[in-house]
Amino acid sequence: SKDLKGAMEILIEQKRQKLSTVEKLDEHMDFASQLIFAQNRGDLTAENVNQCVLEMMIAAPDTLSVTLFFMLILIAEHPTVEEEMMREIETVMGKQEQQS
């Protein structure tokens, strides 16, 4: 477990280095990148980021719940994205009544 954690820290640091050198960030904005930027903003600790990435790698059912949790946090922090998502849902589904 310690070796796996160490390997994960190395991978995250490599990703962090890559993000610092890319010209167009939008082409590299995957979930790990979002976690790294959340840490940079002070929203997450390094341990949070490491644990999240580790869970994404090894814990299939738990990964989905963690991913959905952070996705919902990000949506809540970006109301314009939420509005765009709702418009997309309405476009795809038409004016059907949305079930909650």
C-alpha atoms as a PDB file:
ATOM      1  CA  SER A   1       0.000   0.000   0.000  1.00  0.00           C
ATOM      2  CA  LYS A   2       2.868   2.360   0.830  1.00  0.00           C
ATOM      3  CA  ASP A   3       4.550   1.580  -2.502  1.00  0.00           C
ATOM      4  CA  LEU A   4       1.288   2.168  -4.353  1.00  0.00           C
ATOM      5  CA  LYS A   5       0.791   5.506  -2.597  1.00  0.00           C
ATOM      6  CA  GLY A   6       4.342   6.536  -3.489  1.00  0.00           C
ATOM      7  CA  ALA A   7       3.824   5.568  -7.115  1.00  0.00           C
ATOM      8  CA  MET A   8       0.576   7.557  -7.181  1.00  0.00           C
ATOM      9  CA  GLU A   9       2.337  10.639  -5.797  1.00  0.00           C
ATOM     10  CA  ILE A  10       4.949  10.343  -8.563  1.00  0.00           C
ATOM     11  CA  LEU A  11       2.234  10.063 -11.240  1.00  0.00           C
ATOM     12  CA  ILE A  12       0.368  13.082  -9.848  1.00  0.00           C
ATOM     13  CA  GLU A  13       3.589  15.108  -9.764  1.00  0.00           C
ATOM     14  CA  GLN A  14       4.281  14.144 -13.392  1.00  0.00           C
ATOM     15  CA  LYS A  15       0.776  15.288 -14.306  1.00  0.00           C
ATOM     16  CA  ARG A  16       1.300  18.538 -12.387  1.00  0.00           C
ATOM     17  CA  GLN A  17       4.550  19.173 -14.293  1.00  0.00           C
ATOM     18  CA  LYS A  18       2.838  18.450 -17.620  1.00  0.00           C
ATOM     19  CA  LEU A  19       0.035  20.897 -16.794  1.00  0.00           C
ATOM     20  CA  SER A  20       2.559  23.616 -16.006  1.00  0.00           C
ATOM     21  CA  THR A  21       4.123  23.344 -19.476  1.00  0.00           C
ATOM     22  CA  VAL A  22       1.139  22.911 -21.818  1.00  0.00           C
ATOM     23  CA  GLU A  23       0.055  25.812 -24.007  1.00  0.00           C
ATOM     24  CA  LYS A  24      -3.653  24.961 -24.278  1.00  0.00           C
ATOM     25  CA  LEU A  25      -5.006  23.830 -20.932  1.00  0.00           C
ATOM     26  CA  ASP A  26      -8.463  22.972 -22.249  1.00  0.00           C
ATOM     27  CA  GLU A  27      -7.010  19.994 -24.142  1.00  0.00           C
ATOM     28  CA  HIS A  28      -5.652  18.546 -20.893  1.00  0.00           C
ATOM     29  CA  MET A  29      -8.513  19.238 -18.454  1.00  0.00           C
ATOM     30  CA  ASP A  30      -9.374  15.754 -17.285  1.00  0.00           C
ATOM     31  CA  PHE A  31     -10.530  14.802 -13.791  1.00  0.00           C
ATOM     32  CA  ALA A  32      -7.003  14.491 -12.378  1.00  0.00           C
ATOM     33  CA  SER A  33      -6.245  17.989 -13.700  1.00  0.00           C
ATOM     34  CA  GLN A  34      -9.368  19.342 -11.991  1.00  0.00           C
ATOM     35  CA  LEU A  35      -8.228  17.774  -8.718  1.00  0.00           C
ATOM     36  CA  ILE A  36      -4.755  19.302  -9.056  1.00  0.00           C
ATOM     37  CA  PHE A  37      -6.223  22.758  -9.717  1.00  0.00           C
ATOM     38  CA  ALA A  38      -8.589  22.335  -6.760  1.00  0.00           C
ATOM     39  CA  GLN A  39      -5.518  21.666  -4.617  1.00  0.00           C
ATOM     40  CA  ASN A  40      -3.785  24.734  -6.081  1.00  0.00           C
ATOM     41  CA  ARG A  41      -6.818  26.841  -5.082  1.00  0.00           C
ATOM     42  CA  GLY A  42      -6.722  25.381  -1.574  1.00  0.00           C
ATOM     43  CA  ASP A  43     -10.026  23.487  -1.953  1.00  0.00           C
ATOM     44  CA  LEU A  44      -8.314  20.100  -1.474  1.00  0.00           C
ATOM     45  CA  THR A  45      -5.184  18.894   0.264  1.00  0.00           C
ATOM     46  CA  ALA A  46      -2.440  16.895  -1.447  1.00  0.00           C
ATOM     47  CA  GLU A  47      -3.673  13.882   0.535  1.00  0.00           C
ATOM     48  CA  ASN A  48      -7.232  14.418  -0.821  1.00  0.00           C
ATOM     49  CA  VAL A  49      -5.905  14.483  -4.380  1.00  0.00           C
ATOM     50  CA  ASN A  50      -3.721  11.399  -3.878  1.00  0.00           C
ATOM     51  CA  GLN A  51      -6.558   9.456  -2.264  1.00  0.00           C
ATOM     52  CA  CYS A  52      -9.023  10.431  -4.978  1.00  0.00           C
ATOM     53  CA  VAL A  53      -6.721   9.404  -7.811  1.00  0.00           C
ATOM     54  CA  LEU A  54      -5.833   6.183  -5.993  1.00  0.00           C
ATOM     55  CA  GLU A  55      -9.508   5.329  -5.568  1.00  0.00           C
ATOM     56  CA  MET A  56     -10.161   6.057  -9.229  1.00  0.00           C
ATOM     57  CA  MET A  57      -7.427   3.590 -10.125  1.00  0.00           C
ATOM     58  CA  ILE A  58      -8.285   0.669  -7.848  1.00  0.00           C
ATOM     59  CA  ALA A  59     -11.800   0.861  -6.432  1.00  0.00           C
ATOM     60  CA  ALA A  60     -14.275   0.466  -9.272  1.00  0.00           C
ATOM     61  CA  PRO A  61     -17.648   0.919  -7.485  1.00  0.00           C
ATOM     62  CA  ASP A  62     -16.244   3.458  -5.036  1.00  0.00           C
ATOM     63  CA  THR A  63     -14.627   5.306  -7.915  1.00  0.00           C
ATOM     64  CA  LEU A  64     -17.991   6.083  -9.428  1.00  0.00           C
ATOM     65  CA  SER A  65     -19.325   7.531  -6.184  1.00  0.00           C
ATOM     66  CA  VAL A  66     -16.187   9.646  -5.627  1.00  0.00           C
ATOM     67  CA  THR A  67     -16.259  10.862  -9.220  1.00  0.00           C
ATOM     68  CA  LEU A  68     -19.939  11.770  -9.011  1.00  0.00           C
ATOM     69  CA  PHE A  69     -19.366  13.535  -5.697  1.00  0.00           C
ATOM     70  CA  PHE A  70     -16.614  15.739  -7.126  1.00  0.00           C
ATOM     71  CA  MET A  71     -18.563  16.279 -10.351  1.00  0.00           C
ATOM     72  CA  LEU A  72     -21.496  17.588  -8.321  1.00  0.00           C
ATOM     73  CA  ILE A  73     -19.187  19.855  -6.321  1.00  0.00           C
ATOM     74  CA  LEU A  74     -17.720  21.276  -9.535  1.00  0.00           C
ATOM     75  CA  ILE A  75     -21.193  21.806 -11.032  1.00  0.00           C
ATOM     76  CA  ALA A  76     -22.328  23.562  -7.847  1.00  0.00           C
ATOM     77  CA  GLU A  77     -19.301  25.866  -8.037  1.00  0.00           C
ATOM     78  CA  HIS A  78     -20.016  26.773 -11.677  1.00  0.00           C
ATOM     79  CA  PRO A  79     -23.693  27.802 -12.130  1.00  0.00           C
ATOM     80  CA  THR A  80     -23.195  28.694 -15.797  1.00  0.00           C
ATOM     81  CA  VAL A  81     -22.066  25.122 -16.481  1.00  0.00           C
ATOM     82  CA  GLU A  82     -25.164  23.834 -14.686  1.00  0.00           C
ATOM     83  CA  GLU A  83     -27.352  26.071 -16.873  1.00  0.00           C
ATOM     84  CA  GLU A  84     -25.624  24.813 -20.020  1.00  0.00           C
ATOM     85  CA  MET A  85     -26.121  21.209 -18.896  1.00  0.00           C
ATOM     86  CA  MET A  86     -29.823  21.798 -18.292  1.00  0.00           C
ATOM     87  CA  ARG A  87     -30.185  23.389 -21.744  1.00  0.00           C
ATOM     88  CA  GLU A  88     -28.430  20.378 -23.294  1.00  0.00           C
ATOM     89  CA  ILE A  89     -30.728  17.969 -21.452  1.00  0.00           C
ATOM     90  CA  GLU A  90     -33.787  19.898 -22.670  1.00  0.00           C
ATOM     91  CA  THR A  91     -32.411  19.929 -26.228  1.00  0.00           C
ATOM     92  CA  VAL A  92     -31.818  16.178 -26.242  1.00  0.00           C
ATOM     93  CA  MET A  93     -34.963  15.166 -24.386  1.00  0.00           C
ATOM     94  CA  GLY A  94     -37.251  17.827 -25.755  1.00  0.00           C
ATOM     95  CA  LYS A  95     -39.860  19.310 -23.479  1.00  0.00           C
ATOM     96  CA  GLN A  96     -40.676  15.996 -21.811  1.00  0.00           C
ATOM     97  CA  GLU A  97     -41.349  16.247 -18.128  1.00  0.00           C
ATOM     98  CA  GLN A  98     -38.064  15.684 -16.275  1.00  0.00           C
ATOM     99  CA  GLN A  99     -38.326  12.992 -13.614  1.00  0.00           C
ATOM    100  CA  SER A 100     -36.500  13.716 -10.362  1.00  0.00           C
END
